[in-house]
Protein backbone atom coordinates (compact mmCIF):
# COMPACT_ATOMS: atom_id res chain seq x y z
CA MET A 1 -64.52 -27.49 -56.86
CA VAL A 2 -65.76 -30.58 -54.82
CA THR A 3 -65.27 -34.05 -55.42
CA LEU A 4 -67.89 -35.78 -57.33
CA ASN A 5 -69.89 -37.91 -55.03
CA ASN A 6 -73.41 -39.05 -56.48
CA PRO A 7 -73.88 -42.01 -58.73
CA ASP A 8 -74.85 -39.62 -61.31
CA GLY A 9 -71.70 -37.54 -61.34
CA SER A 10 -73.45 -34.64 -59.77
CA ALA A 11 -71.83 -32.86 -56.81
CA PRO A 12 -72.73 -29.83 -54.53
CA CYS A 13 -70.48 -27.05 -54.53
CA ALA A 14 -69.53 -24.36 -51.74
CA ILE A 15 -72.56 -22.23 -52.74
CA ASP A 16 -76.01 -23.42 -51.58
CA GLY A 17 -77.89 -24.69 -54.50
CA VAL A 18 -74.92 -24.74 -57.00
CA TRP A 19 -73.92 -28.09 -58.64
CA THR A 20 -71.75 -29.31 -61.28
CA GLN A 21 -72.23 -32.60 -63.33
CA GLU A 22 -69.69 -34.13 -65.33
CA LEU A 23 -70.87 -34.68 -68.83
CA SER A 24 -70.54 -37.51 -71.30
CA VAL A 25 -68.51 -37.20 -74.55
CA ILE A 26 -69.34 -40.08 -77.04
CA GLU A 27 -66.49 -40.42 -79.69
CA ALA A 28 -67.91 -40.81 -82.84
CA ALA A 29 -66.77 -40.93 -86.56
CA GLY A 30 -66.73 -37.20 -88.03
CA GLY A 31 -66.76 -35.80 -84.49
CA PRO A 32 -67.89 -36.38 -80.90
CA VAL A 33 -71.29 -36.11 -79.40
CA LEU A 34 -71.78 -34.12 -76.41
CA HIS A 35 -74.41 -34.41 -73.75
CA MET A 36 -75.49 -31.42 -71.90
CA LEU A 37 -78.65 -31.91 -69.94
CA ARG A 38 -81.20 -34.82 -69.54
CA ALA A 39 -84.89 -34.65 -68.32
CA ASP A 40 -83.94 -37.45 -65.73
CA SER A 41 -81.07 -35.37 -64.37
CA PRO A 42 -81.47 -34.21 -60.79
CA LEU A 43 -80.39 -30.74 -62.02
CA PHE A 44 -83.33 -30.70 -64.43
CA ARG A 45 -86.40 -28.62 -63.35
CA ASP A 46 -88.35 -27.65 -66.43
CA PHE A 47 -87.53 -26.46 -70.19
CA GLY A 48 -87.74 -22.70 -70.51
CA GLU A 49 -85.26 -22.07 -73.44
CA ILE A 50 -81.88 -22.68 -74.76
CA TYR A 51 -79.46 -20.16 -75.88
CA PHE A 52 -75.54 -19.74 -76.61
CA SER A 53 -73.29 -16.88 -75.78
CA VAL A 54 -70.09 -16.40 -77.76
CA VAL A 55 -67.26 -15.20 -75.48
CA LEU A 56 -64.51 -13.72 -77.12
CA PRO A 57 -60.89 -14.12 -75.74
CA GLY A 58 -60.23 -12.14 -72.57
CA ALA A 59 -64.09 -10.81 -72.70
CA VAL A 60 -65.93 -10.33 -69.58
CA LYS A 61 -69.71 -10.90 -69.31
CA ALA A 62 -70.85 -10.10 -65.92
CA TRP A 63 -72.65 -9.76 -63.55
CA LYS A 64 -76.19 -11.44 -64.01
CA LEU A 65 -78.84 -12.68 -61.43
CA HIS A 66 -82.22 -13.96 -62.20
CA ARG A 67 -85.02 -14.03 -59.38
CA GLU A 68 -86.94 -16.81 -60.60
CA GLN A 69 -84.85 -18.74 -63.45
CA SER A 70 -82.32 -21.25 -62.95
CA GLN A 71 -79.14 -21.55 -65.14
CA ASN A 72 -77.63 -24.72 -66.77
CA LEU A 73 -74.33 -23.90 -68.26
CA ALA A 74 -71.91 -25.99 -70.49
CA ALA A 75 -69.12 -24.82 -72.64
CA PRO A 76 -69.06 -27.12 -75.88
CA SER A 77 -66.22 -25.04 -77.53
CA GLY A 78 -63.31 -23.06 -75.98
CA LEU A 79 -62.83 -22.53 -72.35
CA VAL A 80 -64.80 -20.08 -70.20
CA GLN A 81 -64.48 -18.95 -66.56
CA VAL A 82 -67.80 -18.67 -64.54
CA VAL A 83 -67.75 -17.08 -61.36
CA VAL A 84 -70.61 -17.55 -58.97
CA TYR A 85 -71.36 -15.24 -55.93
CA ASP A 86 -74.20 -15.77 -53.30
CA GLY A 87 -75.56 -12.50 -52.13
CA ARG A 88 -78.77 -14.09 -50.61
CA PRO A 89 -79.31 -12.73 -47.07
CA SER A 90 -81.12 -16.06 -46.07
CA SER A 91 -78.49 -18.28 -47.56
CA PRO A 92 -76.10 -20.38 -45.60
CA SER A 93 -73.13 -19.57 -48.01
CA MET A 94 -74.20 -15.82 -48.00
CA GLY A 95 -70.97 -14.03 -49.23
CA LYS A 96 -69.18 -16.79 -50.69
CA VAL A 97 -67.58 -16.59 -54.21
CA GLU A 98 -66.76 -19.77 -56.28
CA SER A 99 -64.89 -19.94 -59.78
CA PHE A 100 -65.43 -22.96 -62.11
CA LEU A 101 -63.77 -23.47 -65.70
CA LEU A 102 -66.02 -25.03 -68.10
CA GLY A 103 -64.82 -26.42 -71.65
CA ARG A 104 -63.36 -29.24 -73.47
CA PRO A 105 -61.49 -31.42 -73.13
CA ASP A 106 -60.70 -31.26 -69.45
CA TYR A 107 -63.70 -29.12 -68.00
CA TYR A 108 -66.82 -30.65 -69.80
CA ARG A 109 -69.45 -30.49 -67.42
CA LEU A 110 -72.70 -28.87 -66.21
CA LEU A 111 -72.92 -25.91 -63.98
CA HIS A 112 -76.38 -25.43 -62.20
CA ILE A 113 -76.93 -21.91 -60.78
CA PRO A 114 -80.13 -21.57 -59.00
CA PRO A 115 -82.21 -18.38 -58.76
CA GLY A 116 -81.05 -15.47 -56.70
CA VAL A 117 -77.03 -16.25 -57.27
CA TRP A 118 -75.03 -13.67 -59.10
CA TYR A 119 -72.91 -15.17 -61.96
CA GLY A 120 -70.63 -13.75 -64.68
CA PHE A 121 -68.14 -15.38 -67.18
CA ALA A 122 -65.10 -14.55 -69.02
CA GLY A 123 -63.20 -16.20 -72.20
CA ARG A 124 -60.29 -18.03 -71.07
CA SER A 125 -59.32 -19.24 -74.46
CA ASP A 126 -57.15 -18.38 -77.48
CA ALA A 127 -60.36 -18.46 -79.75
CA PRO A 128 -63.99 -17.60 -79.12
CA ALA A 129 -65.64 -20.08 -76.95
CA ILE A 130 -69.36 -21.07 -76.88
CA LEU A 131 -71.30 -20.96 -73.56
CA ALA A 132 -74.51 -22.98 -73.56
CA ASN A 133 -77.52 -22.16 -71.22
CA CYS A 134 -80.52 -24.23 -70.80
CA VAL A 135 -82.81 -22.40 -68.41
CA ASP A 136 -85.98 -23.56 -66.97
CA ILE A 137 -88.43 -20.48 -67.68
CA PRO A 138 -88.17 -18.45 -70.75
CA HIS A 139 -86.53 -15.11 -70.31
CA GLN A 140 -88.48 -12.29 -68.83
CA GLN A 141 -86.88 -8.78 -68.53
CA ASP A 142 -88.25 -8.29 -65.19
CA ASP A 143 -86.79 -11.27 -64.00
CA ALA A 144 -83.00 -10.36 -64.75
CA PHE A 145 -80.68 -7.84 -62.86
CA GLY A 146 -77.29 -6.65 -63.98
CA LEU A 147 -74.26 -5.08 -62.20
CA ASP A 148 -70.92 -3.81 -64.04
CA ALA A 149 -68.29 -6.29 -64.03
CA ASP A 150 -66.12 -4.11 -61.88
CA SER A 151 -68.93 -3.53 -59.29
CA SER A 152 -68.12 -3.22 -55.51
CA GLU A 153 -70.96 -5.04 -54.64
CA ILE A 154 -69.50 -8.25 -55.59
CA PRO A 155 -65.95 -9.22 -54.05
CA TYR A 156 -64.31 -10.41 -57.08
CA ALA A 157 -61.78 -8.67 -59.54
CA TRP A 158 -61.81 -10.16 -63.09
CA ASN A 159 -58.35 -8.88 -63.85
CA GLY A 160 -57.06 -11.06 -61.08
CA ARG A 161 -58.15 -14.47 -62.79
């Protein structure tokens, strides 16, 4: 992961169009308030929908790709490993793989994945984790593609962590 270098806390990653942004946690009586995505963030394009994936310990949910939809991921509970693979033929980062940890308290950040980039995730905590995704357009079945977690099309082995 790259060092944050923008005033807003966002940073580009090794894969073209993939960014991270540190997220604020506001301590409050009764429990903290966790920020995720604001309309004035450089990573925000539009609002499509928000959904949550429960990720069981050790479970792998991979691989997914959206042709038009951007992903904005954060893990407010538990620890999730997200792996990103650039298979776009015209991308300057074609063939690169990058892994991120998302979750509290040490890895509370937003991960932005642009359209056309493969991603998958795995539960890396002892209890179920929650992965929030704020996408820029509503889910459309003809926009989504999938591969098995052990697909030879993506140079990554989940059991290697």
